[in-house]
Amino acid sequence: PSEDYLCTLTERANENNWFSEFDETEPNIFIHTEGWEFVMLDKC
């Protein structure tokens, strides 16, 4: 349904090297799942 969000986890980096981005025209989100160990100080 158009009112529901679709959030996709992906291993692929985007050209901006952002961890995530949302679509301004539809409720869509993508999240990059790799590289978190470089920004998280603790073993999270």
ModelCIF file with pLDDT and N, C-alpha, C, O atoms, coordinates in Angstrom:
data_MODEL
#
_entry.id   MODEL 
#
_entity.id                         1 
_entity.type                       polymer 
_entity.pdbx_number_of_molecules   1 
#
_entity_poly.entity_id                      1 
_entity_poly.type                           'polypeptide(L)' 
_entity_poly.nstd_linkage                   no 
_entity_poly.nstd_monomer                   no 
_entity_poly.pdbx_seq_one_letter_code       PSEDYLCTLTERANENNWFSEFDETEPNIFIHTEGWEFVMLDKC 
_entity_poly.pdbx_seq_one_letter_code_can   PSEDYLCTLTERANENNWFSEFDETEPNIFIHTEGWEFVMLDKC 
_entity_poly.pdbx_strand_id                 A 
#
loop_
_entity_poly_seq.entity_id 
_entity_poly_seq.num 
_entity_poly_seq.mon_id 
_entity_poly_seq.hetero 
1 1  PRO n 
1 2  SER n 
1 3  GLU n 
1 4  ASP n 
1 5  TYR n 
1 6  LEU n 
1 7  CYS n 
1 8  THR n 
1 9  LEU n 
1 10 THR n 
1 11 GLU n 
1 12 ARG n 
1 13 ALA n 
1 14 ASN n 
1 15 GLU n 
1 16 ASN n 
1 17 ASN n 
1 18 TRP n 
1 19 PHE n 
1 20 SER n 
1 21 GLU n 
1 22 PHE n 
1 23 ASP n 
1 24 GLU n 
1 25 THR n 
1 26 GLU n 
1 27 PRO n 
1 28 ASN n 
1 29 ILE n 
1 30 PHE n 
1 31 ILE n 
1 32 HIS n 
1 33 THR n 
1 34 GLU n 
1 35 GLY n 
1 36 TRP n 
1 37 GLU n 
1 38 PHE n 
1 39 VAL n 
1 40 MET n 
1 41 LEU n 
1 42 ASP n 
1 43 LYS n 
1 44 CYS n 
#
_struct_asym.id          A 
_struct_asym.entity_id   1 
#
loop_
_ma_qa_metric.id 
_ma_qa_metric.mode 
_ma_qa_metric.name 
_ma_qa_metric.software_group_id 
_ma_qa_metric.type 
1 global pLDDT . pLDDT 
2 local  pLDDT . pLDDT 
#
_ma_qa_metric_global.metric_id      1 
_ma_qa_metric_global.metric_value   89.59 
_ma_qa_metric_global.model_id       1 
_ma_qa_metric_global.ordinal_id     1 
#
loop_
_ma_qa_metric_local.label_asym_id 
_ma_qa_metric_local.label_comp_id 
_ma_qa_metric_local.label_seq_id 
_ma_qa_metric_local.metric_id 
_ma_qa_metric_local.metric_value 
_ma_qa_metric_local.model_id 
_ma_qa_metric_local.ordinal_id 
A PRO 1  2 93.00 1 1  
A SER 2  2 92.00 1 2  
A GLU 3  2 94.00 1 3  
A ASP 4  2 95.00 1 4  
A TYR 5  2 96.00 1 5  
A LEU 6  2 94.00 1 6  
A CYS 7  2 95.00 1 7  
A THR 8  2 93.00 1 8  
A LEU 9  2 94.00 1 9  
A THR 10 2 92.00 1 10 
A GLU 11 2 92.00 1 11 
A ARG 12 2 90.00 1 12 
A ALA 13 2 88.00 1 13 
A ASN 14 2 86.00 1 14 
A GLU 15 2 88.00 1 15 
A ASN 16 2 86.00 1 16 
A ASN 17 2 85.00 1 17 
A TRP 18 2 88.00 1 18 
A PHE 19 2 91.00 1 19 
A SER 20 2 94.00 1 20 
A GLU 21 2 93.00 1 21 
A PHE 22 2 95.00 1 22 
A ASP 23 2 94.00 1 23 
A GLU 24 2 93.00 1 24 
A THR 25 2 93.00 1 25 
A GLU 26 2 94.00 1 26 
A PRO 27 2 96.00 1 27 
A ASN 28 2 94.00 1 28 
A ILE 29 2 95.00 1 29 
A PHE 30 2 94.00 1 30 
A ILE 31 2 95.00 1 31 
A HIS 32 2 94.00 1 32 
A THR 33 2 94.00 1 33 
A GLU 34 2 90.00 1 34 
A GLY 35 2 85.00 1 35 
A TRP 36 2 84.00 1 36 
A GLU 37 2 81.00 1 37 
A PHE 38 2 82.00 1 38 
A VAL 39 2 80.00 1 39 
A MET 40 2 78.00 1 40 
A LEU 41 2 70.00 1 41 
A ASP 42 2 75.00 1 42 
A LYS 43 2 80.00 1 43 
A CYS 44 2 87.00 1 44 
#
loop_
_atom_site.group_PDB 
_atom_site.id 
_atom_site.type_symbol 
_atom_site.label_atom_id 
_atom_site.label_alt_id 
_atom_site.label_comp_id 
_atom_site.label_asym_id 
_atom_site.label_entity_id 
_atom_site.label_seq_id 
_atom_site.pdbx_PDB_ins_code 
_atom_site.Cartn_x 
_atom_site.Cartn_y 
_atom_site.Cartn_z 
_atom_site.occupancy 
_atom_site.B_iso_or_equiv 
_atom_site.pdbx_formal_charge 
_atom_site.auth_seq_id 
_atom_site.auth_comp_id 
_atom_site.auth_asym_id 
_atom_site.auth_atom_id 
_atom_site.pdbx_PDB_model_num 
ATOM 1   N N  . PRO A 1 1  ? 0.818  -1.216 0.000  1.00 93.00 ? 1  PRO A N  1 
ATOM 2   C CA . PRO A 1 1  ? 0.000  0.000  0.000  1.00 93.00 ? 1  PRO A CA 1 
ATOM 3   C C  . PRO A 1 1  ? 0.857  1.274  0.000  1.00 93.00 ? 1  PRO A C  1 
ATOM 4   O O  . PRO A 1 1  ? 1.938  1.303  0.588  1.00 93.00 ? 1  PRO A O  1 
ATOM 5   N N  . SER A 1 2  ? 0.372  2.302  -0.652 1.00 92.00 ? 2  SER A N  1 
ATOM 6   C CA . SER A 1 2  ? 1.145  3.539  -0.817 1.00 92.00 ? 2  SER A CA 1 
ATOM 7   C C  . SER A 1 2  ? 1.442  4.245  0.501  1.00 92.00 ? 2  SER A C  1 
ATOM 8   O O  . SER A 1 2  ? 2.393  5.022  0.581  1.00 92.00 ? 2  SER A O  1 
ATOM 9   N N  . GLU A 1 3  ? 0.646  3.989  1.530  1.00 94.00 ? 3  GLU A N  1 
ATOM 10  C CA . GLU A 1 3  ? 0.893  4.651  2.819  1.00 94.00 ? 3  GLU A CA 1 
ATOM 11  C C  . GLU A 1 3  ? 1.903  3.896  3.684  1.00 94.00 ? 3  GLU A C  1 
ATOM 12  O O  . GLU A 1 3  ? 2.412  4.455  4.656  1.00 94.00 ? 3  GLU A O  1 
ATOM 13  N N  . ASP A 1 4  ? 2.199  2.649  3.352  1.00 95.00 ? 4  ASP A N  1 
ATOM 14  C CA . ASP A 1 4  ? 3.170  1.865  4.115  1.00 95.00 ? 4  ASP A CA 1 
ATOM 15  C C  . ASP A 1 4  ? 4.589  2.158  3.648  1.00 95.00 ? 4  ASP A C  1 
ATOM 16  O O  . ASP A 1 4  ? 4.822  2.477  2.481  1.00 95.00 ? 4  ASP A O  1 
ATOM 17  N N  . TYR A 1 5  ? 5.521  2.047  4.567  1.00 96.00 ? 5  TYR A N  1 
ATOM 18  C CA . TYR A 1 5  ? 6.934  2.248  4.242  1.00 96.00 ? 5  TYR A CA 1 
ATOM 19  C C  . TYR A 1 5  ? 7.561  0.938  3.789  1.00 96.00 ? 5  TYR A C  1 
ATOM 20  O O  . TYR A 1 5  ? 7.213  -0.138 4.275  1.00 96.00 ? 5  TYR A O  1 
ATOM 21  N N  . LEU A 1 6  ? 8.495  1.050  2.846  1.00 94.00 ? 6  LEU A N  1 
ATOM 22  C CA . LEU A 1 6  ? 9.323  -0.077 2.440  1.00 94.00 ? 6  LEU A CA 1 
ATOM 23  C C  . LEU A 1 6  ? 10.762 0.317  2.735  1.00 94.00 ? 6  LEU A C  1 
ATOM 24  O O  . LEU A 1 6  ? 11.292 1.253  2.137  1.00 94.00 ? 6  LEU A O  1 
ATOM 25  N N  . CYS A 1 7  ? 11.383 -0.393 3.647  1.00 95.00 ? 7  CYS A N  1 
ATOM 26  C CA . CYS A 1 7  ? 12.758 -0.105 4.058  1.00 95.00 ? 7  CYS A CA 1 
ATOM 27  C C  . CYS A 1 7  ? 13.624 -1.295 3.683  1.00 95.00 ? 7  CYS A C  1 
ATOM 28  O O  . CYS A 1 7  ? 13.425 -2.400 4.189  1.00 95.00 ? 7  CYS A O  1 
ATOM 29  N N  . THR A 1 8  ? 14.583 -1.070 2.800  1.00 93.00 ? 8  THR A N  1 
ATOM 30  C CA . THR A 1 8  ? 15.423 -2.158 2.310  1.00 93.00 ? 8  THR A CA 1 
ATOM 31  C C  . THR A 1 8  ? 16.849 -2.014 2.822  1.00 93.00 ? 8  THR A C  1 
ATOM 32  O O  . THR A 1 8  ? 17.467 -0.955 2.718  1.00 93.00 ? 8  THR A O  1 
ATOM 33  N N  . LEU A 1 9  ? 17.350 -3.113 3.377  1.00 94.00 ? 9  LEU A N  1 
ATOM 34  C CA . LEU A 1 9  ? 18.735 -3.178 3.827  1.00 94.00 ? 9  LEU A CA 1 
ATOM 35  C C  . LEU A 1 9  ? 19.564 -3.678 2.662  1.00 94.00 ? 9  LEU A C  1 
ATOM 36  O O  . LEU A 1 9  ? 19.210 -4.663 2.014  1.00 94.00 ? 9  LEU A O  1 
ATOM 37  N N  . THR A 1 10 ? 20.675 -2.995 2.396  1.00 92.00 ? 10 THR A N  1 
ATOM 38  C CA . THR A 1 10 ? 21.519 -3.367 1.265  1.00 92.00 ? 10 THR A CA 1 
ATOM 39  C C  . THR A 1 10 ? 22.995 -3.367 1.646  1.00 92.00 ? 10 THR A C  1 
ATOM 40  O O  . THR A 1 10 ? 23.446 -2.557 2.457  1.00 92.00 ? 10 THR A O  1 
ATOM 41  N N  . GLU A 1 11 ? 23.729 -4.284 1.048  1.00 92.00 ? 11 GLU A N  1 
ATOM 42  C CA . GLU A 1 11 ? 25.174 -4.337 1.259  1.00 92.00 ? 11 GLU A CA 1 
ATOM 43  C C  . GLU A 1 11 ? 25.905 -3.350 0.349  1.00 92.00 ? 11 GLU A C  1 
ATOM 44  O O  . GLU A 1 11 ? 27.091 -3.086 0.542  1.00 92.00 ? 11 GLU A O  1 
ATOM 45  N N  . ARG A 1 12 ? 25.205 -2.813 -0.631 1.00 90.00 ? 12 ARG A N  1 
ATOM 46  C CA . ARG A 1 12 ? 25.839 -1.937 -1.622 1.00 90.00 ? 12 ARG A CA 1 
ATOM 47  C C  . ARG A 1 12 ? 25.896 -0.497 -1.135 1.00 90.00 ? 12 ARG A C  1 
ATOM 48  O O  . ARG A 1 12 ? 24.897 0.059  -0.677 1.00 90.00 ? 12 ARG A O  1 
ATOM 49  N N  . ALA A 1 13 ? 27.084 0.099  -1.242 1.00 88.00 ? 13 ALA A N  1 
ATOM 50  C CA . ALA A 1 13 ? 27.239 1.512  -0.895 1.00 88.00 ? 13 ALA A CA 1 
ATOM 51  C C  . ALA A 1 13 ? 26.613 2.366  -1.992 1.00 88.00 ? 13 ALA A C  1 
ATOM 52  O O  . ALA A 1 13 ? 26.548 1.958  -3.152 1.00 88.00 ? 13 ALA A O  1 
ATOM 53  N N  . ASN A 1 14 ? 26.158 3.539  -1.615 1.00 86.00 ? 14 ASN A N  1 
ATOM 54  C CA . ASN A 1 14 ? 25.617 4.472  -2.600 1.00 86.00 ? 14 ASN A CA 1 
ATOM 55  C C  . ASN A 1 14 ? 26.668 5.512  -2.951 1.00 86.00 ? 14 ASN A C  1 
ATOM 56  O O  . ASN A 1 14 ? 27.682 5.633  -2.263 1.00 86.00 ? 14 ASN A O  1 
ATOM 57  N N  . GLU A 1 15 ? 26.431 6.254  -4.008 1.00 88.00 ? 15 GLU A N  1 
ATOM 58  C CA . GLU A 1 15 ? 27.441 7.176  -4.515 1.00 88.00 ? 15 GLU A CA 1 
ATOM 59  C C  . GLU A 1 15 ? 27.808 8.280  -3.524 1.00 88.00 ? 15 GLU A C  1 
ATOM 60  O O  . GLU A 1 15 ? 28.903 8.837  -3.603 1.00 88.00 ? 15 GLU A O  1 
ATOM 61  N N  . ASN A 1 16 ? 26.916 8.600  -2.602 1.00 86.00 ? 16 ASN A N  1 
ATOM 62  C CA . ASN A 1 16 ? 27.205 9.627  -1.603 1.00 86.00 ? 16 ASN A CA 1 
ATOM 63  C C  . ASN A 1 16 ? 27.897 9.062  -0.367 1.00 86.00 ? 16 ASN A C  1 
ATOM 64  O O  . ASN A 1 16 ? 28.306 9.809  0.521  1.00 86.00 ? 16 ASN A O  1 
ATOM 65  N N  . ASN A 1 17 ? 28.025 7.734  -0.316 1.00 85.00 ? 17 ASN A N  1 
ATOM 66  C CA . ASN A 1 17 ? 28.604 7.037  0.828  1.00 85.00 ? 17 ASN A CA 1 
ATOM 67  C C  . ASN A 1 17 ? 27.836 7.333  2.118  1.00 85.00 ? 17 ASN A C  1 
ATOM 68  O O  . ASN A 1 17 ? 28.422 7.438  3.196  1.00 85.00 ? 17 ASN A O  1 
ATOM 69  N N  . TRP A 1 18 ? 26.523 7.465  1.987  1.00 88.00 ? 18 TRP A N  1 
ATOM 70  C CA . TRP A 1 18 ? 25.654 7.664  3.141  1.00 88.00 ? 18 TRP A CA 1 
ATOM 71  C C  . TRP A 1 18 ? 25.198 6.310  3.646  1.00 88.00 ? 18 TRP A C  1 
ATOM 72  O O  . TRP A 1 18 ? 25.093 5.355  2.877  1.00 88.00 ? 18 TRP A O  1 
ATOM 73  N N  . PHE A 1 19 ? 24.928 6.230  4.942  1.00 91.00 ? 19 PHE A N  1 
ATOM 74  C CA . PHE A 1 19 ? 24.420 4.985  5.499  1.00 91.00 ? 19 PHE A CA 1 
ATOM 75  C C  . PHE A 1 19 ? 22.955 4.763  5.133  1.00 91.00 ? 19 PHE A C  1 
ATOM 76  O O  . PHE A 1 19 ? 22.483 3.626  5.115  1.00 91.00 ? 19 PHE A O  1 
ATOM 77  N N  . SER A 1 20 ? 22.242 5.838  4.844  1.00 94.00 ? 20 SER A N  1 
ATOM 78  C CA . SER A 1 20 ? 20.824 5.681  4.531  1.00 94.00 ? 20 SER A CA 1 
ATOM 79  C C  . SER A 1 20 ? 20.313 6.893  3.789  1.00 94.00 ? 20 SER A C  1 
ATOM 80  O O  . SER A 1 20 ? 20.932 7.956  3.773  1.00 94.00 ? 20 SER A O  1 
ATOM 81  N N  . GLU A 1 21 ? 19.147 6.694  3.168  1.00 93.00 ? 21 GLU A N  1 
ATOM 82  C CA . GLU A 1 21 ? 18.473 7.809  2.489  1.00 93.00 ? 21 GLU A CA 1 
ATOM 83  C C  . GLU A 1 21 ? 17.005 7.439  2.305  1.00 93.00 ? 21 GLU A C  1 
ATOM 84  O O  . GLU A 1 21 ? 16.663 6.269  2.129  1.00 93.00 ? 21 GLU A O  1 
ATOM 85  N N  . PHE A 1 22 ? 16.153 8.442  2.348  1.00 95.00 ? 22 PHE A N  1 
ATOM 86  C CA . PHE A 1 22 ? 14.730 8.199  2.089  1.00 95.00 ? 22 PHE A CA 1 
ATOM 87  C C  . PHE A 1 22 ? 14.320 8.905  0.810  1.00 95.00 ? 22 PHE A C  1 
ATOM 88  O O  . PHE A 1 22 ? 14.914 9.903  0.404  1.00 95.00 ? 22 PHE A O  1 
ATOM 89  N N  . ASP A 1 23 ? 13.292 8.359  0.192  1.00 94.00 ? 23 ASP A N  1 
ATOM 90  C CA . ASP A 1 23 ? 12.723 8.886  -1.043 1.00 94.00 ? 23 ASP A CA 1 
ATOM 91  C C  . ASP A 1 23 ? 11.723 9.970  -0.658 1.00 94.00 ? 23 ASP A C  1 
ATOM 92  O O  . ASP A 1 23 ? 10.849 9.737  0.177  1.00 94.00 ? 23 ASP A O  1 
ATOM 93  N N  . GLU A 1 24 ? 11.842 11.136 -1.250 1.00 93.00 ? 24 GLU A N  1 
ATOM 94  C CA . GLU A 1 24 ? 10.918 12.218 -0.922 1.00 93.00 ? 24 GLU A CA 1 
ATOM 95  C C  . GLU A 1 24 ? 9.568  12.075 -1.614 1.00 93.00 ? 24 GLU A C  1 
ATOM 96  O O  . GLU A 1 24 ? 8.598  12.720 -1.216 1.00 93.00 ? 24 GLU A O  1 
ATOM 97  N N  . THR A 1 25 ? 9.495  11.229 -2.654 1.00 93.00 ? 25 THR A N  1 
ATOM 98  C CA . THR A 1 25 ? 8.236  11.092 -3.398 1.00 93.00 ? 25 THR A CA 1 
ATOM 99  C C  . THR A 1 25 ? 7.389  9.920  -2.932 1.00 93.00 ? 25 THR A C  1 
ATOM 100 O O  . THR A 1 25 ? 6.168  9.951  -3.088 1.00 93.00 ? 25 THR A O  1 
ATOM 101 N N  . GLU A 1 26 ? 7.994  8.898  -2.370 1.00 94.00 ? 26 GLU A N  1 
ATOM 102 C CA . GLU A 1 26 ? 7.274  7.719  -1.867 1.00 94.00 ? 26 GLU A CA 1 
ATOM 103 C C  . GLU A 1 26 ? 7.914  7.292  -0.548 1.00 94.00 ? 26 GLU A C  1 
ATOM 104 O O  . GLU A 1 26 ? 9.075  7.608  -0.291 1.00 94.00 ? 26 GLU A O  1 
ATOM 105 N N  . PRO A 1 27 ? 7.167  6.580  0.282  1.00 96.00 ? 27 PRO A N  1 
ATOM 106 C CA . PRO A 1 27 ? 7.733  6.141  1.566  1.00 96.00 ? 27 PRO A CA 1 
ATOM 107 C C  . PRO A 1 27 ? 8.687  4.946  1.406  1.00 96.00 ? 27 PRO A C  1 
ATOM 108 O O  . PRO A 1 27 ? 8.385  3.829  1.825  1.00 96.00 ? 27 PRO A O  1 
ATOM 109 N N  . ASN A 1 28 ? 9.826  5.211  0.800  1.00 94.00 ? 28 ASN A N  1 
ATOM 110 C CA . ASN A 1 28 ? 10.869 4.207  0.583  1.00 94.00 ? 28 ASN A CA 1 
ATOM 111 C C  . ASN A 1 28 ? 12.156 4.653  1.256  1.00 94.00 ? 28 ASN A C  1 
ATOM 112 O O  . ASN A 1 28 ? 12.506 5.834  1.245  1.00 94.00 ? 28 ASN A O  1 
ATOM 113 N N  . ILE A 1 29 ? 12.851 3.691  1.840  1.00 95.00 ? 29 ILE A N  1 
ATOM 114 C CA . ILE A 1 29 ? 14.112 3.956  2.540  1.00 95.00 ? 29 ILE A CA 1 
ATOM 115 C C  . ILE A 1 29 ? 15.091 2.854  2.171  1.00 95.00 ? 29 ILE A C  1 
ATOM 116 O O  . ILE A 1 29 ? 14.708 1.688  2.075  1.00 95.00 ? 29 ILE A O  1 
ATOM 117 N N  . PHE A 1 30 ? 16.365 3.220  1.962  1.00 94.00 ? 30 PHE A N  1 
ATOM 118 C CA . PHE A 1 30 ? 17.390 2.184  1.873  1.00 94.00 ? 30 PHE A CA 1 
ATOM 119 C C  . PHE A 1 30 ? 18.452 2.467  2.924  1.00 94.00 ? 30 PHE A C  1 
ATOM 120 O O  . PHE A 1 30 ? 18.745 3.618  3.245  1.00 94.00 ? 30 PHE A O  1 
ATOM 121 N N  . ILE A 1 31 ? 19.022 1.386  3.450  1.00 95.00 ? 31 ILE A N  1 
ATOM 122 C CA . ILE A 1 31 ? 20.047 1.489  4.489  1.00 95.00 ? 31 ILE A CA 1 
ATOM 123 C C  . ILE A 1 31 ? 21.211 0.586  4.132  1.00 95.00 ? 31 ILE A C  1 
ATOM 124 O O  . ILE A 1 31 ? 21.034 -0.603 3.869  1.00 95.00 ? 31 ILE A O  1 
ATOM 125 N N  . HIS A 1 32 ? 22.414 1.171  4.125  1.00 94.00 ? 32 HIS A N  1 
ATOM 126 C CA . HIS A 1 32 ? 23.641 0.429  3.853  1.00 94.00 ? 32 HIS A CA 1 
ATOM 127 C C  . HIS A 1 32 ? 24.030 -0.317 5.129  1.00 94.00 ? 32 HIS A C  1 
ATOM 128 O O  . HIS A 1 32 ? 24.118 0.283  6.201  1.00 94.00 ? 32 HIS A O  1 
ATOM 129 N N  . THR A 1 33 ? 24.258 -1.608 5.013  1.00 94.00 ? 33 THR A N  1 
ATOM 130 C CA . THR A 1 33 ? 24.479 -2.437 6.203  1.00 94.00 ? 33 THR A CA 1 
ATOM 131 C C  . THR A 1 33 ? 25.945 -2.672 6.543  1.00 94.00 ? 33 THR A C  1 
ATOM 132 O O  . THR A 1 33 ? 26.245 -3.289 7.565  1.00 94.00 ? 33 THR A O  1 
ATOM 133 N N  . GLU A 1 34 ? 26.855 -2.198 5.714  1.00 90.00 ? 34 GLU A N  1 
ATOM 134 C CA . GLU A 1 34 ? 28.276 -2.478 5.964  1.00 90.00 ? 34 GLU A CA 1 
ATOM 135 C C  . GLU A 1 34 ? 29.021 -1.219 6.398  1.00 90.00 ? 34 GLU A C  1 
ATOM 136 O O  . GLU A 1 34 ? 28.623 -0.103 6.064  1.00 90.00 ? 34 GLU A O  1 
ATOM 137 N N  . GLY A 1 35 ? 30.101 -1.410 7.140  1.00 85.00 ? 35 GLY A N  1 
ATOM 138 C CA . GLY A 1 35 ? 30.963 -0.309 7.548  1.00 85.00 ? 35 GLY A CA 1 
ATOM 139 C C  . GLY A 1 35 ? 30.648 0.287  8.910  1.00 85.00 ? 35 GLY A C  1 
ATOM 140 O O  . GLY A 1 35 ? 31.295 1.248  9.325  1.00 85.00 ? 35 GLY A O  1 
ATOM 141 N N  . TRP A 1 36 ? 29.679 -0.259 9.603  1.00 84.00 ? 36 TRP A N  1 
ATOM 142 C CA . TRP A 1 36 ? 29.319 0.303  10.901 1.00 84.00 ? 36 TRP A CA 1 
ATOM 143 C C  . TRP A 1 36 ? 30.448 0.170  11.919 1.00 84.00 ? 36 TRP A C  1 
ATOM 144 O O  . TRP A 1 36 ? 30.540 0.971  12.850 1.00 84.00 ? 36 TRP A O  1 
ATOM 145 N N  . GLU A 1 37 ? 31.297 -0.823 11.752 1.00 81.00 ? 37 GLU A N  1 
ATOM 146 C CA . GLU A 1 37 ? 32.391 -1.014 12.709 1.00 81.00 ? 37 GLU A CA 1 
ATOM 147 C C  . GLU A 1 37 ? 33.383 0.150  12.689 1.00 81.00 ? 37 GLU A C  1 
ATOM 148 O O  . GLU A 1 37 ? 34.150 0.322  13.637 1.00 81.00 ? 37 GLU A O  1 
ATOM 149 N N  . PHE A 1 38 ? 33.376 0.952  11.616 1.00 82.00 ? 38 PHE A N  1 
ATOM 150 C CA . PHE A 1 38 ? 34.292 2.089  11.521 1.00 82.00 ? 38 PHE A CA 1 
ATOM 151 C C  . PHE A 1 38 ? 33.764 3.333  12.232 1.00 82.00 ? 38 PHE A C  1 
ATOM 152 O O  . PHE A 1 38 ? 34.533 4.255  12.504 1.00 82.00 ? 38 PHE A O  1 
ATOM 153 N N  . VAL A 1 39 ? 32.479 3.377  12.534 1.00 80.00 ? 39 VAL A N  1 
ATOM 154 C CA . VAL A 1 39 ? 31.910 4.557  13.190 1.00 80.00 ? 39 VAL A CA 1 
ATOM 155 C C  . VAL A 1 39 ? 31.418 4.278  14.604 1.00 80.00 ? 39 VAL A C  1 
ATOM 156 O O  . VAL A 1 39 ? 31.182 5.213  15.369 1.00 80.00 ? 39 VAL A O  1 
ATOM 157 N N  . MET A 1 40 ? 31.262 3.025  14.957 1.00 78.00 ? 40 MET A N  1 
ATOM 158 C CA . MET A 1 40 ? 30.810 2.679  16.302 1.00 78.00 ? 40 MET A CA 1 
ATOM 159 C C  . MET A 1 40 ? 32.034 2.442  17.179 1.00 78.00 ? 40 MET A C  1 
ATOM 160 O O  . MET A 1 40 ? 32.881 1.612  16.848 1.00 78.00 ? 40 MET A O  1 
ATOM 161 N N  . LEU A 1 41 ? 32.137 3.158  18.287 1.00 70.00 ? 41 LEU A N  1 
ATOM 162 C CA . LEU A 1 41 ? 33.314 3.057  19.148 1.00 70.00 ? 41 LEU A CA 1 
ATOM 163 C C  . LEU A 1 41 ? 33.352 1.751  19.909 1.00 70.00 ? 41 LEU A C  1 
ATOM 164 O O  . LEU A 1 41 ? 34.419 1.160  20.073 1.00 70.00 ? 41 LEU A O  1 
ATOM 165 N N  . ASP A 1 42 ? 32.215 1.297  20.372 1.00 75.00 ? 42 ASP A N  1 
ATOM 166 C CA . ASP A 1 42 ? 32.150 0.039  21.104 1.00 75.00 ? 42 ASP A CA 1 
ATOM 167 C C  . ASP A 1 42 ? 31.855 -1.087 20.129 1.00 75.00 ? 42 ASP A C  1 
ATOM 168 O O  . ASP A 1 42 ? 31.446 -0.842 18.994 1.00 75.00 ? 42 ASP A O  1 
ATOM 169 N N  . LYS A 1 43 ? 32.058 -2.288 20.558 1.00 80.00 ? 43 LYS A N  1 
ATOM 170 C CA . LYS A 1 43 ? 31.705 -3.461 19.750 1.00 80.00 ? 43 LYS A CA 1 
ATOM 171 C C  . LYS A 1 43 ? 30.189 -3.613 19.777 1.00 80.00 ? 43 LYS A C  1 
ATOM 172 O O  . LYS A 1 43 ? 29.643 -4.412 20.538 1.00 80.00 ? 43 LYS A O  1 
ATOM 173 N N  . CYS A 1 44 ? 29.541 -2.858 18.960 1.00 87.00 ? 44 CYS A N  1 
ATOM 174 C CA . CYS A 1 44 ? 28.085 -2.819 18.919 1.00 87.00 ? 44 CYS A CA 1 
ATOM 175 C C  . CYS A 1 44 ? 27.597 -3.666 17.753 1.00 87.00 ? 44 CYS A C  1 
ATOM 176 O O  . CYS A 1 44 ? 26.391 -3.774 17.531 1.00 87.00 ? 44 CYS A O  1 
#
